[in-house]
Amino acid sequence: MKPWLLYSVIRLSIFVAVLVVLLVAQVPGWLAAIVAALFGFAVSYLFLGKLRAPVVQGVADRRSGKTRAATDDEDIEDALERNDFLEGDGPAKR
């Protein structure tokens, strides 16, 4: 699983779990959301450092140009030049 996806899922899970517990305890919704967000930030900062490091490195590499997005225009243009796309409903031209 990609590091950013795993990190995001864990952070969202922490937020939702705390939110549900607070709502079941009949805390007002707006206050429960604020407390859940703060709790999620604190837990992720304290305990998810090893997961956060690859995410931060990936973002830094992307911004510096070391890596590029998988959907860059060059990939599509190269595929068009190789005729890798289907034309109409028929088979691809080779």
C-alpha atoms as a PDB file:
ATOM      1  CA  MET A   1       0.000   0.000   0.000  1.00  0.00           C
ATOM      2  CA  LYS A   2       1.263   3.482  -0.769  1.00  0.00           C
ATOM      3  CA  PRO A   3       2.599   5.305   2.302  1.00  0.00           C
ATOM      4  CA  TRP A   4       0.396   8.375   1.854  1.00  0.00           C
ATOM      5  CA  LEU A   5      -2.718   6.215   1.553  1.00  0.00           C
ATOM      6  CA  LEU A   6      -1.919   4.176   4.671  1.00  0.00           C
ATOM      7  CA  TYR A   7      -1.107   7.332   6.639  1.00  0.00           C
ATOM      8  CA  SER A   8      -4.323   9.017   5.527  1.00  0.00           C
ATOM      9  CA  VAL A   9      -6.482   5.991   6.328  1.00  0.00           C
ATOM     10  CA  ILE A  10      -5.012   5.680   9.819  1.00  0.00           C
ATOM     11  CA  ARG A  11      -5.469   9.398  10.552  1.00  0.00           C
ATOM     12  CA  LEU A  12      -9.034   9.342   9.285  1.00  0.00           C
ATOM     13  CA  SER A  13      -9.773   6.219  11.321  1.00  0.00           C
ATOM     14  CA  ILE A  14      -8.504   7.882  14.496  1.00  0.00           C
ATOM     15  CA  PHE A  15     -10.663  10.939  13.824  1.00  0.00           C
ATOM     16  CA  VAL A  16     -13.799   8.882  13.120  1.00  0.00           C
ATOM     17  CA  ALA A  17     -13.286   6.617  16.145  1.00  0.00           C
ATOM     18  CA  VAL A  18     -12.930   9.554  18.536  1.00  0.00           C
ATOM     19  CA  LEU A  19     -15.838  11.363  16.898  1.00  0.00           C
ATOM     20  CA  VAL A  20     -18.131   8.356  17.265  1.00  0.00           C
ATOM     21  CA  VAL A  21     -17.170   7.881  20.917  1.00  0.00           C
ATOM     22  CA  LEU A  22     -17.854  11.538  21.666  1.00  0.00           C
ATOM     23  CA  LEU A  23     -21.165  11.545  19.809  1.00  0.00           C
ATOM     24  CA  VAL A  24     -22.283   8.412  21.654  1.00  0.00           C
ATOM     25  CA  ALA A  25     -21.371  10.218  24.883  1.00  0.00           C
ATOM     26  CA  GLN A  26     -23.804  12.949  23.732  1.00  0.00           C
ATOM     27  CA  VAL A  27     -21.208  15.678  23.277  1.00  0.00           C
ATOM     28  CA  PRO A  28     -22.509  18.408  20.921  1.00  0.00           C
ATOM     29  CA  GLY A  29     -21.544  17.689  17.308  1.00  0.00           C
ATOM     30  CA  TRP A  30     -19.455  20.798  16.727  1.00  0.00           C
ATOM     31  CA  LEU A  31     -17.469  20.253  19.922  1.00  0.00           C
ATOM     32  CA  ALA A  32     -17.035  16.548  19.188  1.00  0.00           C
ATOM     33  CA  ALA A  33     -15.620  17.358  15.741  1.00  0.00           C
ATOM     34  CA  ILE A  34     -13.132  19.873  17.137  1.00  0.00           C
ATOM     35  CA  VAL A  35     -11.976  17.537  19.911  1.00  0.00           C
ATOM     36  CA  ALA A  36     -11.699  14.598  17.481  1.00  0.00           C
ATOM     37  CA  ALA A  37      -9.619  16.680  15.072  1.00  0.00           C
ATOM     38  CA  LEU A  38      -7.279  17.872  17.813  1.00  0.00           C
ATOM     39  CA  PHE A  39      -6.950  14.345  19.202  1.00  0.00           C
ATOM     40  CA  GLY A  40      -6.242  12.991  15.710  1.00  0.00           C
ATOM     41  CA  PHE A  41      -3.540  15.611  15.112  1.00  0.00           C
ATOM     42  CA  ALA A  42      -1.899  14.874  18.454  1.00  0.00           C
ATOM     43  CA  VAL A  43      -1.931  11.091  18.057  1.00  0.00           C
ATOM     44  CA  SER A  44      -0.629  11.216  14.502  1.00  0.00           C
ATOM     45  CA  TYR A  45       2.154  13.611  15.499  1.00  0.00           C
ATOM     46  CA  LEU A  46       3.224  11.518  18.471  1.00  0.00           C
ATOM     47  CA  PHE A  47       2.830   7.982  17.139  1.00  0.00           C
ATOM     48  CA  LEU A  48       2.856   8.035  13.340  1.00  0.00           C
ATOM     49  CA  GLY A  49       6.291   9.536  12.701  1.00  0.00           C
ATOM     50  CA  LYS A  50       7.597   6.430  10.923  1.00  0.00           C
ATOM     51  CA  LEU A  51       4.638   6.511   8.542  1.00  0.00           C
ATOM     52  CA  ARG A  52       4.833  10.268   8.046  1.00  0.00           C
ATOM     53  CA  ALA A  53       8.525  10.293   7.005  1.00  0.00           C
ATOM     54  CA  PRO A  54       8.077   8.492   3.644  1.00  0.00           C
ATOM     55  CA  VAL A  55       5.049  10.658   2.864  1.00  0.00           C
ATOM     56  CA  VAL A  56       7.028  13.841   3.506  1.00  0.00           C
ATOM     57  CA  GLN A  57       9.963  12.525   1.450  1.00  0.00           C
ATOM     58  CA  GLY A  58       7.651  11.677  -1.439  1.00  0.00           C
ATOM     59  CA  VAL A  59       6.150  15.167  -1.408  1.00  0.00           C
ATOM     60  CA  ALA A  60       9.617  16.744  -1.283  1.00  0.00           C
ATOM     61  CA  ASP A  61      10.823  14.586  -4.189  1.00  0.00           C
ATOM     62  CA  ARG A  62       7.740  15.477  -6.211  1.00  0.00           C
ATOM     63  CA  ARG A  63       8.178  19.206  -5.643  1.00  0.00           C
ATOM     64  CA  SER A  64      11.901  19.138  -6.470  1.00  0.00           C
ATOM     65  CA  GLY A  65      11.282  17.271  -9.721  1.00  0.00           C
ATOM     66  CA  LYS A  66      13.041  14.016  -8.745  1.00  0.00           C
ATOM     67  CA  THR A  67       9.845  12.100  -9.479  1.00  0.00           C
ATOM     68  CA  ARG A  68       6.864  12.931 -11.621  1.00  0.00           C
ATOM     69  CA  ALA A  69       3.196  12.176 -11.560  1.00  0.00           C
ATOM     70  CA  ALA A  70       2.117   8.920 -13.174  1.00  0.00           C
ATOM     71  CA  THR A  71      -0.401  10.767 -15.357  1.00  0.00           C
ATOM     72  CA  ASP A  72       1.895  13.289 -16.999  1.00  0.00           C
ATOM     73  CA  ASP A  73       1.078  14.395 -20.522  1.00  0.00           C
ATOM     74  CA  GLU A  74       4.237  12.779 -21.891  1.00  0.00           C
ATOM     75  CA  ASP A  75       2.927   9.314 -21.027  1.00  0.00           C
ATOM     76  CA  ILE A  76      -0.289   9.931 -22.934  1.00  0.00           C
ATOM     77  CA  GLU A  77       1.558  11.378 -25.917  1.00  0.00           C
ATOM     78  CA  ASP A  78       3.932   8.395 -26.004  1.00  0.00           C
ATOM     79  CA  ALA A  79       0.978   6.003 -25.934  1.00  0.00           C
ATOM     80  CA  LEU A  80      -0.680   7.897 -28.784  1.00  0.00           C
ATOM     81  CA  GLU A  81       2.495   7.658 -30.852  1.00  0.00           C
ATOM     82  CA  ARG A  82       2.592   3.878 -30.280  1.00  0.00           C
ATOM     83  CA  ASN A  83      -1.149   3.601 -31.088  1.00  0.00           C
ATOM     84  CA  ASP A  84      -1.850   1.910 -27.753  1.00  0.00           C
ATOM     85  CA  PHE A  85      -5.358   3.323 -27.558  1.00  0.00           C
ATOM     86  CA  LEU A  86      -8.500   1.773 -28.936  1.00  0.00           C
ATOM     87  CA  GLU A  87     -10.177   3.524 -31.830  1.00  0.00           C
ATOM     88  CA  GLY A  88     -13.934   3.243 -31.654  1.00  0.00           C
ATOM     89  CA  ASP A  89     -15.247  -0.150 -30.581  1.00  0.00           C
ATOM     90  CA  GLY A  90     -12.774  -2.242 -32.549  1.00  0.00           C
ATOM     91  CA  PRO A  91      -9.432  -3.738 -31.535  1.00  0.00           C
ATOM     92  CA  ALA A  92      -6.382  -1.566 -31.042  1.00  0.00           C
ATOM     93  CA  LYS A  93      -4.234  -0.843 -34.085  1.00  0.00           C
ATOM     94  CA  ARG A  94      -0.718  -2.219 -33.893  1.00  0.00           C
END
